[in-house]
Amino acid sequence: MHDLKAQLLRGLWYVALVAADVRPGRLVHKTLLGEPLLIGRGRDGGVFALRDICPHRGIPLHYGRFDGETITCCYHGWRFDVGGTCVEIPSLRDGQEMDLGKIRCGAYACVERQGLVWVYFPAANEAPAPAEPPRMPIFSDAAAPVAGSPARPTTPHSV
């Protein structure tokens, strides 16, 4: 039985967290579908999701610093933008040429809707151009869900 592996559903949007849980300039790390995920909100207020692994030495990026625009790996200081592209390698010397745009930590489609942060996990070999995440009919488009509040009014129970 210990050789059984669950086939997780891919090619779908998943609710990662309540949007209020990630403030501007902050990062939240989670594991979803067995993958390390780093969710953040940039200075512009937009949410993003990256693979929480520096491609250089495999250090989780959540140990680094986030200035609202770039994430700096704590190990060798490589910096990544919110799209997951490397924008700086501090150890490069003058004259060393390297196409930093080819170095990526991996990014996921990420959308904030109805007070929730949704992340899309593509199926194997799927182009990363997913449709919009579903709308939750019990949530307003204008208001975020409130933690602990029921979706419908409840009837008090008699004791």
N, C-alpha and C. Protein backbone atom coordinates (compact mmCIF):
# COMPACT_ATOMS: atom_id res chain seq x y z
N MET A 1 0.80 -1.20 0.00
CA MET A 1 0.00 0.00 0.00
C MET A 1 0.85 1.26 0.00
N HIS A 2 2.06 1.22 0.55
CA HIS A 2 2.87 2.43 0.62
C HIS A 2 3.41 2.84 -0.74
N ASP A 3 3.23 2.03 -1.78
CA ASP A 3 3.65 2.41 -3.12
C ASP A 3 2.58 3.17 -3.88
N LEU A 4 1.40 3.34 -3.29
CA LEU A 4 0.32 4.07 -3.95
C LEU A 4 0.63 5.56 -3.97
N LYS A 5 0.35 6.19 -5.10
CA LYS A 5 0.55 7.63 -5.23
C LYS A 5 -0.75 8.24 -5.74
N ALA A 6 -1.16 9.30 -5.12
CA ALA A 6 -2.38 9.99 -5.55
C ALA A 6 -2.11 10.75 -6.84
N GLN A 7 -3.02 10.67 -7.75
CA GLN A 7 -2.95 11.46 -8.97
C GLN A 7 -3.72 12.74 -8.72
N LEU A 8 -3.01 13.81 -8.46
CA LEU A 8 -3.65 15.07 -8.14
C LEU A 8 -4.21 15.70 -9.41
N LEU A 9 -5.32 16.36 -9.28
CA LEU A 9 -5.99 16.97 -10.41
C LEU A 9 -5.24 18.21 -10.85
N ARG A 10 -4.81 18.22 -12.09
CA ARG A 10 -4.07 19.34 -12.67
C ARG A 10 -4.95 20.00 -13.73
N GLY A 11 -4.51 21.13 -14.21
CA GLY A 11 -5.28 21.85 -15.21
C GLY A 11 -6.49 22.55 -14.59
N LEU A 12 -6.35 22.91 -13.30
CA LEU A 12 -7.46 23.53 -12.57
C LEU A 12 -6.96 24.68 -11.71
N TRP A 13 -7.89 25.58 -11.36
CA TRP A 13 -7.62 26.65 -10.41
C TRP A 13 -7.87 26.13 -9.01
N TYR A 14 -7.04 26.55 -8.06
CA TYR A 14 -7.20 26.19 -6.65
C TYR A 14 -7.17 27.46 -5.81
N VAL A 15 -8.02 27.49 -4.79
CA VAL A 15 -7.97 28.61 -3.84
C VAL A 15 -6.75 28.38 -2.97
N ALA A 16 -5.84 29.37 -2.96
CA ALA A 16 -4.61 29.25 -2.18
C ALA A 16 -4.77 29.85 -0.80
N LEU A 17 -5.45 30.98 -0.72
CA LEU A 17 -5.65 31.63 0.57
C LEU A 17 -6.63 32.78 0.44
N VAL A 18 -7.07 33.30 1.57
CA VAL A 18 -7.91 34.49 1.60
C VAL A 18 -7.01 35.68 1.27
N ALA A 19 -7.46 36.54 0.38
CA ALA A 19 -6.63 37.64 -0.11
C ALA A 19 -6.12 38.55 1.01
N ALA A 20 -6.89 38.73 2.05
CA ALA A 20 -6.47 39.59 3.16
C ALA A 20 -5.25 39.03 3.90
N ASP A 21 -4.94 37.75 3.69
CA ASP A 21 -3.80 37.13 4.36
C ASP A 21 -2.46 37.48 3.73
N VAL A 22 -2.48 38.14 2.58
CA VAL A 22 -1.22 38.57 1.96
C VAL A 22 -1.30 40.08 1.72
N ARG A 23 -0.51 40.82 2.51
CA ARG A 23 -0.51 42.28 2.46
C ARG A 23 0.54 42.77 1.46
N PRO A 24 0.40 44.01 1.00
CA PRO A 24 1.41 44.56 0.07
C PRO A 24 2.82 44.45 0.65
N GLY A 25 3.74 44.01 -0.18
CA GLY A 25 5.13 43.86 0.25
C GLY A 25 5.40 42.64 1.10
N ARG A 26 4.43 41.74 1.21
CA ARG A 26 4.58 40.55 2.05
C ARG A 26 4.52 39.28 1.21
N LEU A 27 5.07 38.19 1.75
CA LEU A 27 5.07 36.88 1.11
C LEU A 27 4.46 35.85 2.03
N VAL A 28 3.81 34.86 1.43
CA VAL A 28 3.25 33.73 2.18
C VAL A 28 3.72 32.47 1.46
N HIS A 29 4.30 31.53 2.20
CA HIS A 29 4.71 30.29 1.57
C HIS A 29 3.77 29.17 1.99
N LYS A 30 3.44 28.34 1.02
CA LYS A 30 2.52 27.22 1.22
C LYS A 30 2.98 26.06 0.35
N THR A 31 2.45 24.90 0.64
CA THR A 31 2.63 23.76 -0.25
C THR A 31 1.24 23.37 -0.74
N LEU A 32 1.06 23.42 -2.04
CA LEU A 32 -0.21 23.03 -2.66
C LEU A 32 0.09 22.01 -3.74
N LEU A 33 -0.69 20.96 -3.78
CA LEU A 33 -0.50 19.86 -4.74
C LEU A 33 0.93 19.33 -4.68
N GLY A 34 1.52 19.36 -3.49
CA GLY A 34 2.87 18.85 -3.29
C GLY A 34 3.96 19.76 -3.81
N GLU A 35 3.61 20.97 -4.22
CA GLU A 35 4.60 21.90 -4.77
C GLU A 35 4.81 23.09 -3.85
N PRO A 36 6.08 23.48 -3.63
CA PRO A 36 6.33 24.66 -2.79
C PRO A 36 5.93 25.93 -3.53
N LEU A 37 5.13 26.74 -2.90
CA LEU A 37 4.56 27.92 -3.54
C LEU A 37 4.87 29.15 -2.70
N LEU A 38 5.17 30.25 -3.36
CA LEU A 38 5.40 31.52 -2.71
C LEU A 38 4.40 32.51 -3.30
N ILE A 39 3.50 32.99 -2.46
CA ILE A 39 2.46 33.92 -2.91
C ILE A 39 2.77 35.28 -2.30
N GLY A 40 2.69 36.31 -3.13
CA GLY A 40 3.01 37.64 -2.65
C GLY A 40 2.09 38.68 -3.25
N ARG A 41 2.21 39.87 -2.69
CA ARG A 41 1.49 41.03 -3.21
C ARG A 41 2.52 42.13 -3.39
N GLY A 42 2.67 42.59 -4.63
CA GLY A 42 3.65 43.61 -4.93
C GLY A 42 3.20 44.99 -4.49
N ARG A 43 4.08 45.96 -4.70
CA ARG A 43 3.77 47.35 -4.35
C ARG A 43 2.54 47.86 -5.09
N ASP A 44 2.33 47.33 -6.30
CA ASP A 44 1.18 47.76 -7.10
C ASP A 44 -0.13 47.15 -6.63
N GLY A 45 -0.07 46.26 -5.63
CA GLY A 45 -1.28 45.63 -5.10
C GLY A 45 -1.64 44.32 -5.76
N GLY A 46 -0.98 43.98 -6.86
CA GLY A 46 -1.28 42.74 -7.57
C GLY A 46 -0.68 41.52 -6.88
N VAL A 47 -1.38 40.39 -6.96
CA VAL A 47 -0.88 39.15 -6.38
C VAL A 47 -0.10 38.36 -7.42
N PHE A 48 0.82 37.54 -6.95
CA PHE A 48 1.61 36.68 -7.83
C PHE A 48 1.93 35.39 -7.09
N ALA A 49 2.27 34.36 -7.84
CA ALA A 49 2.64 33.07 -7.26
C ALA A 49 3.86 32.53 -8.00
N LEU A 50 4.88 32.15 -7.23
CA LEU A 50 6.11 31.59 -7.78
C LEU A 50 6.39 30.25 -7.14
N ARG A 51 7.22 29.46 -7.82
CA ARG A 51 7.73 28.24 -7.21
C ARG A 51 8.73 28.69 -6.15
N ASP A 52 8.59 28.20 -4.95
CA ASP A 52 9.39 28.66 -3.81
C ASP A 52 10.74 27.95 -3.75
N ILE A 53 11.48 28.02 -4.86
CA ILE A 53 12.80 27.38 -4.96
C ILE A 53 13.68 28.26 -5.84
N CYS A 54 14.84 28.65 -5.33
CA CYS A 54 15.81 29.37 -6.16
C CYS A 54 16.44 28.35 -7.11
N PRO A 55 16.47 28.63 -8.41
CA PRO A 55 17.04 27.66 -9.36
C PRO A 55 18.55 27.50 -9.24
N HIS A 56 19.21 28.37 -8.51
CA HIS A 56 20.66 28.29 -8.38
C HIS A 56 21.09 27.15 -7.46
N ARG A 57 20.60 27.14 -6.23
CA ARG A 57 21.01 26.11 -5.26
C ARG A 57 19.83 25.45 -4.55
N GLY A 58 18.61 25.75 -4.97
CA GLY A 58 17.45 25.08 -4.40
C GLY A 58 16.98 25.59 -3.05
N ILE A 59 17.47 26.75 -2.64
CA ILE A 59 17.05 27.32 -1.35
C ILE A 59 15.64 27.88 -1.50
N PRO A 60 14.76 27.65 -0.52
CA PRO A 60 13.42 28.26 -0.59
C PRO A 60 13.53 29.79 -0.61
N LEU A 61 12.85 30.42 -1.56
CA LEU A 61 12.93 31.87 -1.69
C LEU A 61 12.27 32.61 -0.53
N HIS A 62 11.37 31.95 0.19
CA HIS A 62 10.70 32.65 1.29
C HIS A 62 11.67 33.01 2.42
N TYR A 63 12.87 32.44 2.44
CA TYR A 63 13.88 32.83 3.43
C TYR A 63 14.56 34.15 3.06
N GLY A 64 14.35 34.60 1.83
CA GLY A 64 15.00 35.82 1.37
C GLY A 64 14.22 37.08 1.72
N ARG A 65 14.54 38.16 1.01
CA ARG A 65 13.90 39.46 1.25
C ARG A 65 13.03 39.82 0.04
N PHE A 66 11.93 40.51 0.33
CA PHE A 66 11.03 41.00 -0.71
C PHE A 66 10.87 42.50 -0.52
N ASP A 67 11.19 43.27 -1.54
CA ASP A 67 11.10 44.73 -1.43
C ASP A 67 9.84 45.29 -2.08
N GLY A 68 8.91 44.43 -2.45
CA GLY A 68 7.69 44.86 -3.11
C GLY A 68 7.77 44.72 -4.62
N GLU A 69 8.98 44.50 -5.16
CA GLU A 69 9.17 44.34 -6.59
C GLU A 69 10.02 43.12 -6.94
N THR A 70 11.02 42.84 -6.11
CA THR A 70 11.89 41.70 -6.37
C THR A 70 12.11 40.90 -5.08
N ILE A 71 12.39 39.60 -5.28
CA ILE A 71 12.69 38.70 -4.17
C ILE A 71 14.17 38.37 -4.27
N THR A 72 14.90 38.55 -3.18
CA THR A 72 16.33 38.26 -3.15
C THR A 72 16.56 36.97 -2.39
N CYS A 73 17.19 36.00 -3.04
CA CYS A 73 17.50 34.74 -2.39
C CYS A 73 18.50 35.00 -1.26
N CYS A 74 18.29 34.35 -0.14
CA CYS A 74 19.15 34.57 1.03
C CYS A 74 20.53 33.95 0.87
N TYR A 75 20.71 33.03 -0.10
CA TYR A 75 21.97 32.30 -0.19
C TYR A 75 23.05 33.08 -0.95
N HIS A 76 22.83 33.34 -2.23
CA HIS A 76 23.82 34.07 -3.02
C HIS A 76 23.30 35.40 -3.55
N GLY A 77 22.10 35.80 -3.13
CA GLY A 77 21.59 37.11 -3.49
C GLY A 77 20.99 37.25 -4.87
N TRP A 78 20.73 36.14 -5.55
CA TRP A 78 20.08 36.25 -6.85
C TRP A 78 18.72 36.90 -6.63
N ARG A 79 18.34 37.81 -7.54
CA ARG A 79 17.06 38.51 -7.42
C ARG A 79 16.12 38.11 -8.55
N PHE A 80 14.84 37.94 -8.19
CA PHE A 80 13.80 37.54 -9.14
C PHE A 80 12.65 38.54 -9.09
N ASP A 81 12.10 38.86 -10.27
CA ASP A 81 10.93 39.74 -10.26
C ASP A 81 9.68 38.92 -9.95
N VAL A 82 8.53 39.57 -9.86
CA VAL A 82 7.30 38.87 -9.47
C VAL A 82 6.80 37.94 -10.56
N GLY A 83 7.41 37.97 -11.73
CA GLY A 83 7.09 37.03 -12.80
C GLY A 83 7.98 35.80 -12.77
N GLY A 84 8.94 35.77 -11.81
CA GLY A 84 9.83 34.62 -11.66
C GLY A 84 11.11 34.69 -12.46
N THR A 85 11.38 35.80 -13.14
CA THR A 85 12.58 35.95 -13.96
C THR A 85 13.72 36.55 -13.15
N CYS A 86 14.91 36.00 -13.31
CA CYS A 86 16.09 36.52 -12.62
C CYS A 86 16.43 37.90 -13.20
N VAL A 87 16.65 38.86 -12.32
CA VAL A 87 16.98 40.22 -12.77
C VAL A 87 18.36 40.67 -12.30
N GLU A 88 18.98 39.90 -11.40
CA GLU A 88 20.32 40.26 -10.95
C GLU A 88 21.03 39.06 -10.33
N ILE A 89 22.31 38.94 -10.68
CA ILE A 89 23.21 37.99 -10.04
C ILE A 89 24.39 38.81 -9.54
N PRO A 90 24.45 39.07 -8.23
CA PRO A 90 25.49 39.97 -7.70
C PRO A 90 26.92 39.53 -7.98
N SER A 91 27.17 38.24 -8.15
CA SER A 91 28.54 37.76 -8.34
C SER A 91 29.06 37.96 -9.76
N LEU A 92 28.21 38.37 -10.71
CA LEU A 92 28.70 38.62 -12.07
C LEU A 92 29.61 39.84 -12.06
N ARG A 93 30.71 39.73 -12.78
CA ARG A 93 31.67 40.84 -12.85
C ARG A 93 31.47 41.62 -14.13
N ASP A 94 32.01 42.82 -14.17
CA ASP A 94 31.95 43.62 -15.40
C ASP A 94 32.52 42.83 -16.56
N GLY A 95 31.81 42.83 -17.65
CA GLY A 95 32.26 42.11 -18.83
C GLY A 95 31.71 40.70 -18.94
N GLN A 96 31.24 40.13 -17.85
CA GLN A 96 30.62 38.81 -17.93
C GLN A 96 29.22 38.99 -18.52
N GLU A 97 28.96 38.30 -19.59
CA GLU A 97 27.66 38.43 -20.23
C GLU A 97 26.84 37.18 -19.97
N MET A 98 25.61 37.41 -19.58
CA MET A 98 24.71 36.30 -19.30
C MET A 98 23.29 36.79 -19.55
N ASP A 99 22.49 35.99 -20.22
CA ASP A 99 21.09 36.35 -20.46
C ASP A 99 20.28 35.94 -19.23
N LEU A 100 20.08 36.89 -18.31
CA LEU A 100 19.36 36.59 -17.08
C LEU A 100 17.91 36.20 -17.34
N GLY A 101 17.33 36.64 -18.43
CA GLY A 101 15.95 36.32 -18.77
C GLY A 101 15.69 34.83 -18.96
N LYS A 102 16.77 34.07 -19.17
CA LYS A 102 16.62 32.61 -19.33
C LYS A 102 16.59 31.89 -17.99
N ILE A 103 16.88 32.59 -16.92
CA ILE A 103 16.90 31.98 -15.58
C ILE A 103 15.58 32.31 -14.90
N ARG A 104 14.81 31.29 -14.57
CA ARG A 104 13.50 31.49 -13.98
C ARG A 104 13.29 30.52 -12.82
N CYS A 105 12.59 30.99 -11.81
CA CYS A 105 12.27 30.09 -10.69
C CYS A 105 10.93 29.39 -10.92
N GLY A 106 10.15 29.86 -11.86
CA GLY A 106 8.85 29.26 -12.16
C GLY A 106 7.73 30.10 -11.59
N ALA A 107 6.77 30.42 -12.41
CA ALA A 107 5.63 31.23 -11.99
C ALA A 107 4.34 30.50 -12.33
N TYR A 108 3.33 30.78 -11.55
CA TYR A 108 2.00 30.21 -11.75
C TYR A 108 1.03 31.34 -12.06
N ALA A 109 0.02 31.06 -12.87
CA ALA A 109 -1.05 32.04 -13.06
C ALA A 109 -1.71 32.24 -11.71
N CYS A 110 -1.96 33.50 -11.36
CA CYS A 110 -2.49 33.83 -10.04
C CYS A 110 -3.45 35.00 -10.19
N VAL A 111 -4.63 34.86 -9.59
CA VAL A 111 -5.67 35.88 -9.72
C VAL A 111 -6.32 36.10 -8.36
N GLU A 112 -6.63 37.35 -8.08
CA GLU A 112 -7.41 37.67 -6.89
C GLU A 112 -8.84 37.94 -7.35
N ARG A 113 -9.77 37.19 -6.79
CA ARG A 113 -11.17 37.34 -7.16
C ARG A 113 -12.05 37.06 -5.95
N GLN A 114 -13.01 37.93 -5.71
CA GLN A 114 -13.99 37.75 -4.65
C GLN A 114 -13.33 37.54 -3.28
N GLY A 115 -12.20 38.21 -3.07
CA GLY A 115 -11.52 38.12 -1.79
C GLY A 115 -10.69 36.87 -1.60
N LEU A 116 -10.49 36.10 -2.66
CA LEU A 116 -9.69 34.88 -2.61
C LEU A 116 -8.53 34.97 -3.59
N VAL A 117 -7.41 34.34 -3.26
CA VAL A 117 -6.29 34.24 -4.19
C VAL A 117 -6.33 32.85 -4.81
N TRP A 118 -6.46 32.80 -6.13
CA TRP A 118 -6.53 31.55 -6.89
C TRP A 118 -5.21 31.33 -7.60
N VAL A 119 -4.75 30.08 -7.64
CA VAL A 119 -3.53 29.71 -8.35
C VAL A 119 -3.88 28.57 -9.30
N TYR A 120 -3.37 28.67 -10.53
CA TYR A 120 -3.63 27.66 -11.55
C TYR A 120 -2.44 26.71 -11.64
N PHE A 121 -2.73 25.41 -11.56
CA PHE A 121 -1.70 24.37 -11.70
C PHE A 121 -1.92 23.68 -13.04
N PRO A 122 -1.07 23.97 -14.03
CA PRO A 122 -1.28 23.38 -15.36
C PRO A 122 -1.04 21.87 -15.38
N ALA A 123 -1.73 21.23 -16.30
CA ALA A 123 -1.50 19.81 -16.53
C ALA A 123 -0.15 19.67 -17.24
N ALA A 124 0.39 18.47 -17.26
CA ALA A 124 1.67 18.23 -17.92
C ALA A 124 1.59 18.68 -19.38
N ASN A 125 2.61 19.40 -19.83
CA ASN A 125 2.72 19.88 -21.21
C ASN A 125 1.61 20.84 -21.62
N GLU A 126 0.93 21.44 -20.67
CA GLU A 126 -0.14 22.39 -20.99
C GLU A 126 0.43 23.79 -21.11
N ALA A 127 -0.03 24.52 -22.12
CA ALA A 127 0.37 25.92 -22.26
C ALA A 127 -0.21 26.72 -21.10
N PRO A 128 0.57 27.62 -20.52
CA PRO A 128 0.09 28.36 -19.35
C PRO A 128 -0.85 29.52 -19.70
N ALA A 129 -1.95 29.22 -20.36
CA ALA A 129 -2.94 30.25 -20.69
C ALA A 129 -4.33 29.77 -20.26
N PRO A 130 -4.56 29.67 -18.95
CA PRO A 130 -5.82 29.12 -18.47
C PRO A 130 -6.98 30.10 -18.59
N ALA A 131 -8.17 29.56 -18.53
CA ALA A 131 -9.36 30.40 -18.46
C ALA A 131 -9.43 31.03 -17.07
N GLU A 132 -10.38 31.91 -16.87
CA GLU A 132 -10.55 32.55 -15.57
C GLU A 132 -10.97 31.54 -14.51
N PRO A 133 -10.63 31.80 -13.24
CA PRO A 133 -11.10 30.91 -12.18
C PRO A 133 -12.62 31.06 -12.03
N PRO A 134 -13.26 30.07 -11.45
CA PRO A 134 -14.72 30.14 -11.31
C PRO A 134 -15.14 31.22 -10.32
N ARG A 135 -16.33 31.72 -10.51
CA ARG A 135 -16.92 32.67 -9.55
C ARG A 135 -17.66 31.85 -8.50
N MET A 136 -17.53 32.29 -7.26
CA MET A 136 -18.21 31.63 -6.16
C MET A 136 -19.57 32.31 -6.00
N PRO A 137 -20.67 31.62 -6.30
CA PRO A 137 -21.98 32.28 -6.30
C PRO A 137 -22.41 32.79 -4.93
N ILE A 138 -21.86 32.26 -3.85
CA ILE A 138 -22.27 32.73 -2.52
C ILE A 138 -21.47 33.93 -2.05
N PHE A 139 -20.43 34.34 -2.81
CA PHE A 139 -19.63 35.50 -2.45
C PHE A 139 -20.00 36.66 -3.36
N SER A 140 -19.97 37.85 -2.79
CA SER A 140 -20.19 39.06 -3.57
C SER A 140 -18.94 39.34 -4.39
N ASP A 141 -19.11 39.99 -5.54
CA ASP A 141 -17.95 40.40 -6.33
C ASP A 141 -17.21 41.55 -5.67
N ALA A 142 -17.91 42.30 -4.83
CA ALA A 142 -17.32 43.50 -4.23
C ALA A 142 -16.74 43.27 -2.84
N ALA A 143 -17.13 42.20 -2.18
CA ALA A 143 -16.70 42.01 -0.79
C ALA A 143 -15.95 40.70 -0.64
N ALA A 144 -14.99 40.72 0.25
CA ALA A 144 -14.21 39.52 0.55
C ALA A 144 -14.98 38.64 1.52
N PRO A 145 -14.77 37.33 1.46
CA PRO A 145 -15.40 36.46 2.46
C PRO A 145 -14.83 36.77 3.85
N VAL A 146 -15.65 36.60 4.84
CA VAL A 146 -15.23 36.85 6.21
C VAL A 146 -14.98 35.50 6.86
N ALA A 147 -13.79 35.33 7.42
CA ALA A 147 -13.43 34.06 8.05
C ALA A 147 -14.42 33.73 9.16
N GLY A 148 -14.91 32.51 9.17
CA GLY A 148 -15.79 32.04 10.22
C GLY A 148 -17.25 32.37 9.99
N SER A 149 -17.58 33.15 8.94
CA SER A 149 -18.98 33.46 8.71
C SER A 149 -19.60 32.39 7.83
N PRO A 150 -20.81 31.98 8.11
CA PRO A 150 -21.45 30.95 7.31
C PRO A 150 -21.85 31.48 5.94
N ALA A 151 -21.90 30.60 4.97
CA ALA A 151 -22.33 31.00 3.63
C ALA A 151 -23.81 31.35 3.62
N ARG A 152 -24.58 30.69 4.45
CA ARG A 152 -26.01 30.95 4.57
C ARG A 152 -26.34 31.19 6.03
N PRO A 153 -27.43 31.90 6.28
CA PRO A 153 -27.83 32.06 7.69
C PRO A 153 -28.11 30.70 8.30
N THR A 154 -27.75 30.56 9.54
CA THR A 154 -28.00 29.29 10.23
C THR A 154 -29.19 29.42 11.15
N THR A 155 -29.83 28.33 11.38
CA THR A 155 -30.95 28.28 12.32
C THR A 155 -30.42 27.93 13.69
N PRO A 156 -30.77 28.72 14.70
CA PRO A 156 -30.27 28.39 16.05
C PRO A 156 -30.81 27.04 16.49
N HIS A 157 -29.98 26.30 17.15
CA HIS A 157 -30.39 24.99 17.66
C HIS A 157 -30.90 25.15 19.08
N SER A 158 -31.98 24.45 19.40
CA SER A 158 -32.47 24.51 20.78
C SER A 158 -31.73 23.49 21.62
N VAL A 159 -31.54 23.83 22.86
CA VAL A 159 -30.79 22.94 23.75
C VAL A 159 -31.73 22.18 24.62
